[in-house]
Each structure stands twice: as C-alpha cells, then as structure tokens.
Amino acid sequence: MSIVRHVTRNTRNVKRWRNGKMVLRWTAIGFMEASKRFRCINGYQEIPRLVAALTRSYDACGSKRKRDLDKSKAA
C-alpha cells in the first residue's frame, strides 16, 4: 500500500479542516502510521560498496566527462 493511500485512509474521517496546522498534524500522523509498514530495501547492506564502485568509476572517467558531471551537479 502506498504512503498516499495510508495518509488518505487516516484522514478520511476528518469532516472539517480548520487550518494548515490541523492538516499538517493529520498528515504527519498518516506518515507515522505508514512508516510502521515500511520495509527495508533489499541489499541495503551493499550500498557502501555501490558508492565506492561509483566513485572509482567517476575517478576513472576522462576529465571532460568529469567536467560535464560537475556542471550537471552544480545546476
């Protein structure tokens, strides 16, 4: 079930939205309820190895490619 569905289900019984703080409060409660059902990403233990491999690949690429990547990051 998606997070939007959890929030919608949690807020469906509110009959009268009074102000922005009330909306934020109920939405936050919906997110908290949804987070109880989140699962870990499969292979999350391997993320540091992925970062290291990407860094090595980035360092190995030519200087023109590095400039292009740096420009796209700055934008």
N, C-alpha and C. Protein backbone atom coordinates (compact mmCIF):
# COMPACT_ATOMS: atom_id res chain seq x y z
N MET A 1 0.85 -1.17 0.00
CA MET A 1 0.00 0.00 0.00
C MET A 1 0.90 1.24 0.00
N SER A 2 0.56 2.22 -0.79
CA SER A 2 1.40 3.41 -0.92
C SER A 2 1.20 4.34 0.28
N ILE A 3 2.15 5.25 0.45
CA ILE A 3 2.08 6.20 1.55
C ILE A 3 0.89 7.14 1.39
N VAL A 4 0.58 7.49 0.13
CA VAL A 4 -0.57 8.38 -0.12
C VAL A 4 -1.86 7.69 0.34
N ARG A 5 -1.95 6.41 0.08
CA ARG A 5 -3.15 5.67 0.49
C ARG A 5 -3.28 5.62 2.02
N HIS A 6 -2.14 5.46 2.71
CA HIS A 6 -2.16 5.45 4.17
C HIS A 6 -2.64 6.79 4.71
N VAL A 7 -2.10 7.88 4.16
CA VAL A 7 -2.49 9.21 4.63
C VAL A 7 -3.95 9.46 4.33
N THR A 8 -4.40 9.09 3.14
CA THR A 8 -5.81 9.27 2.77
C THR A 8 -6.72 8.49 3.70
N ARG A 9 -6.36 7.25 3.98
CA ARG A 9 -7.17 6.43 4.87
C ARG A 9 -7.22 7.02 6.27
N ASN A 10 -6.09 7.57 6.73
CA ASN A 10 -6.03 8.13 8.07
C ASN A 10 -6.82 9.43 8.19
N THR A 11 -6.93 10.19 7.11
CA THR A 11 -7.58 11.50 7.17
C THR A 11 -9.01 11.50 6.63
N ARG A 12 -9.52 10.38 6.21
CA ARG A 12 -10.84 10.37 5.58
C ARG A 12 -11.98 10.72 6.51
N ASN A 13 -11.81 10.55 7.80
CA ASN A 13 -12.90 10.82 8.74
C ASN A 13 -12.92 12.26 9.26
N VAL A 14 -11.96 13.06 8.83
CA VAL A 14 -11.96 14.46 9.25
C VAL A 14 -13.03 15.18 8.45
N LYS A 15 -13.99 15.75 9.14
CA LYS A 15 -15.14 16.38 8.47
C LYS A 15 -14.90 17.84 8.14
N ARG A 16 -14.11 18.52 8.97
CA ARG A 16 -13.92 19.95 8.75
C ARG A 16 -12.46 20.31 9.02
N TRP A 17 -11.73 20.66 7.97
CA TRP A 17 -10.34 21.08 8.11
C TRP A 17 -10.34 22.54 8.54
N ARG A 18 -9.79 22.83 9.71
CA ARG A 18 -9.86 24.18 10.25
C ARG A 18 -8.73 25.09 9.79
N ASN A 19 -7.50 24.60 9.80
CA ASN A 19 -6.37 25.43 9.40
C ASN A 19 -5.21 24.56 8.92
N GLY A 20 -4.14 25.22 8.49
CA GLY A 20 -2.98 24.49 7.98
C GLY A 20 -2.30 23.61 9.00
N LYS A 21 -2.29 24.05 10.25
CA LYS A 21 -1.67 23.24 11.30
C LYS A 21 -2.40 21.92 11.48
N MET A 22 -3.71 21.98 11.38
CA MET A 22 -4.50 20.75 11.52
C MET A 22 -4.20 19.79 10.37
N VAL A 23 -4.10 20.33 9.17
CA VAL A 23 -3.78 19.49 8.01
C VAL A 23 -2.42 18.85 8.20
N LEU A 24 -1.43 19.64 8.61
CA LEU A 24 -0.08 19.10 8.83
C LEU A 24 -0.08 18.03 9.93
N ARG A 25 -0.83 18.27 10.99
CA ARG A 25 -0.87 17.31 12.10
C ARG A 25 -1.44 15.97 11.65
N TRP A 26 -2.56 16.00 10.93
CA TRP A 26 -3.18 14.76 10.47
C TRP A 26 -2.33 14.07 9.41
N THR A 27 -1.70 14.85 8.56
CA THR A 27 -0.83 14.26 7.54
C THR A 27 0.37 13.60 8.21
N ALA A 28 0.94 14.26 9.21
CA ALA A 28 2.07 13.68 9.93
C ALA A 28 1.68 12.37 10.60
N ILE A 29 0.49 12.32 11.17
CA ILE A 29 0.02 11.08 11.79
C ILE A 29 -0.11 9.99 10.73
N GLY A 30 -0.61 10.36 9.55
CA GLY A 30 -0.71 9.38 8.46
C GLY A 30 0.65 8.85 8.06
N PHE A 31 1.65 9.73 7.98
CA PHE A 31 3.01 9.30 7.65
C PHE A 31 3.57 8.39 8.73
N MET A 32 3.31 8.72 9.99
CA MET A 32 3.80 7.89 11.08
C MET A 32 3.18 6.50 11.04
N GLU A 33 1.90 6.43 10.76
CA GLU A 33 1.23 5.13 10.65
C GLU A 33 1.79 4.34 9.47
N ALA A 34 2.01 5.02 8.36
CA ALA A 34 2.53 4.35 7.16
C ALA A 34 3.95 3.84 7.41
N SER A 35 4.75 4.61 8.15
CA SER A 35 6.15 4.21 8.37
C SER A 35 6.26 2.91 9.14
N LYS A 36 5.24 2.55 9.90
CA LYS A 36 5.25 1.28 10.63
C LYS A 36 5.25 0.09 9.67
N ARG A 37 4.78 0.33 8.45
CA ARG A 37 4.66 -0.76 7.49
C ARG A 37 5.74 -0.72 6.40
N PHE A 38 6.68 0.23 6.51
CA PHE A 38 7.76 0.30 5.53
C PHE A 38 8.67 -0.92 5.68
N ARG A 39 9.25 -1.33 4.59
CA ARG A 39 10.20 -2.44 4.61
C ARG A 39 11.58 -1.90 4.27
N CYS A 40 12.59 -2.65 4.67
CA CYS A 40 13.96 -2.29 4.29
C CYS A 40 14.15 -2.57 2.82
N ILE A 41 15.06 -1.84 2.22
CA ILE A 41 15.41 -2.08 0.82
C ILE A 41 16.27 -3.32 0.77
N ASN A 42 15.93 -4.25 -0.12
CA ASN A 42 16.75 -5.44 -0.27
C ASN A 42 18.16 -5.03 -0.69
N GLY A 43 19.16 -5.57 -0.02
CA GLY A 43 20.54 -5.29 -0.36
C GLY A 43 21.05 -3.97 0.19
N TYR A 44 20.37 -3.41 1.17
CA TYR A 44 20.80 -2.12 1.69
C TYR A 44 22.20 -2.19 2.31
N GLN A 45 22.64 -3.38 2.71
CA GLN A 45 23.97 -3.53 3.28
C GLN A 45 25.05 -3.27 2.23
N GLU A 46 24.70 -3.43 0.95
CA GLU A 46 25.66 -3.28 -0.14
C GLU A 46 25.80 -1.84 -0.63
N ILE A 47 25.04 -0.92 -0.09
CA ILE A 47 25.08 0.47 -0.56
C ILE A 47 26.48 1.08 -0.46
N PRO A 48 27.23 0.87 0.63
CA PRO A 48 28.60 1.42 0.67
C PRO A 48 29.49 0.89 -0.47
N ARG A 49 29.33 -0.38 -0.81
CA ARG A 49 30.11 -0.94 -1.93
C ARG A 49 29.71 -0.29 -3.24
N LEU A 50 28.41 -0.03 -3.42
CA LEU A 50 27.94 0.64 -4.62
C LEU A 50 28.51 2.05 -4.73
N VAL A 51 28.50 2.78 -3.62
CA VAL A 51 29.06 4.14 -3.62
C VAL A 51 30.54 4.10 -3.98
N ALA A 52 31.27 3.16 -3.40
CA ALA A 52 32.70 3.03 -3.69
C ALA A 52 32.93 2.72 -5.17
N ALA A 53 32.14 1.82 -5.74
CA ALA A 53 32.28 1.48 -7.16
C ALA A 53 31.96 2.67 -8.05
N LEU A 54 30.92 3.41 -7.71
CA LEU A 54 30.58 4.59 -8.49
C LEU A 54 31.67 5.66 -8.39
N THR A 55 32.24 5.82 -7.22
CA THR A 55 33.32 6.78 -7.04
C THR A 55 34.54 6.38 -7.87
N ARG A 56 34.89 5.09 -7.86
CA ARG A 56 36.02 4.62 -8.67
C ARG A 56 35.74 4.86 -10.15
N SER A 57 34.54 4.58 -10.57
CA SER A 57 34.17 4.79 -11.97
C SER A 57 34.25 6.26 -12.34
N TYR A 58 33.77 7.11 -11.45
CA TYR A 58 33.81 8.56 -11.69
C TYR A 58 35.26 9.03 -11.78
N ASP A 59 36.12 8.53 -10.88
CA ASP A 59 37.53 8.93 -10.89
C ASP A 59 38.25 8.42 -12.13
N ALA A 60 37.83 7.30 -12.67
CA ALA A 60 38.49 6.71 -13.83
C ALA A 60 38.07 7.36 -15.15
N CYS A 61 36.95 8.03 -15.16
CA CYS A 61 36.49 8.61 -16.43
C CYS A 61 37.33 9.82 -16.80
N GLY A 62 37.29 10.20 -18.07
CA GLY A 62 38.12 11.29 -18.57
C GLY A 62 37.77 12.63 -17.96
N SER A 63 38.69 13.58 -18.09
CA SER A 63 38.50 14.90 -17.47
C SER A 63 37.31 15.64 -18.07
N LYS A 64 37.05 15.46 -19.38
CA LYS A 64 35.89 16.13 -19.99
C LYS A 64 34.60 15.61 -19.37
N ARG A 65 34.52 14.31 -19.20
CA ARG A 65 33.33 13.71 -18.60
C ARG A 65 33.15 14.21 -17.17
N LYS A 66 34.24 14.34 -16.42
CA LYS A 66 34.16 14.84 -15.05
C LYS A 66 33.61 16.26 -15.03
N ARG A 67 34.09 17.10 -15.95
CA ARG A 67 33.60 18.48 -16.00
C ARG A 67 32.10 18.49 -16.30
N ASP A 68 31.68 17.63 -17.24
CA ASP A 68 30.26 17.56 -17.57
C ASP A 68 29.43 17.14 -16.35
N LEU A 69 29.92 16.14 -15.62
CA LEU A 69 29.19 15.68 -14.43
C LEU A 69 29.17 16.76 -13.35
N ASP A 70 30.30 17.45 -13.17
CA ASP A 70 30.36 18.51 -12.17
C ASP A 70 29.41 19.64 -12.53
N LYS A 71 29.33 19.99 -13.81
CA LYS A 71 28.42 21.04 -14.25
C LYS A 71 26.98 20.65 -13.99
N SER A 72 26.63 19.40 -14.27
CA SER A 72 25.26 18.95 -14.06
C SER A 72 24.91 18.92 -12.57
N LYS A 73 25.89 18.62 -11.72
CA LYS A 73 25.63 18.62 -10.28
C LYS A 73 25.43 20.04 -9.76
N ALA A 74 26.17 20.99 -10.33
CA ALA A 74 26.09 22.37 -9.88
C ALA A 74 24.76 23.01 -10.29
N ALA A 75 24.17 22.51 -11.36
CA ALA A 75 22.92 23.11 -11.87
C ALA A 75 21.73 22.72 -11.07
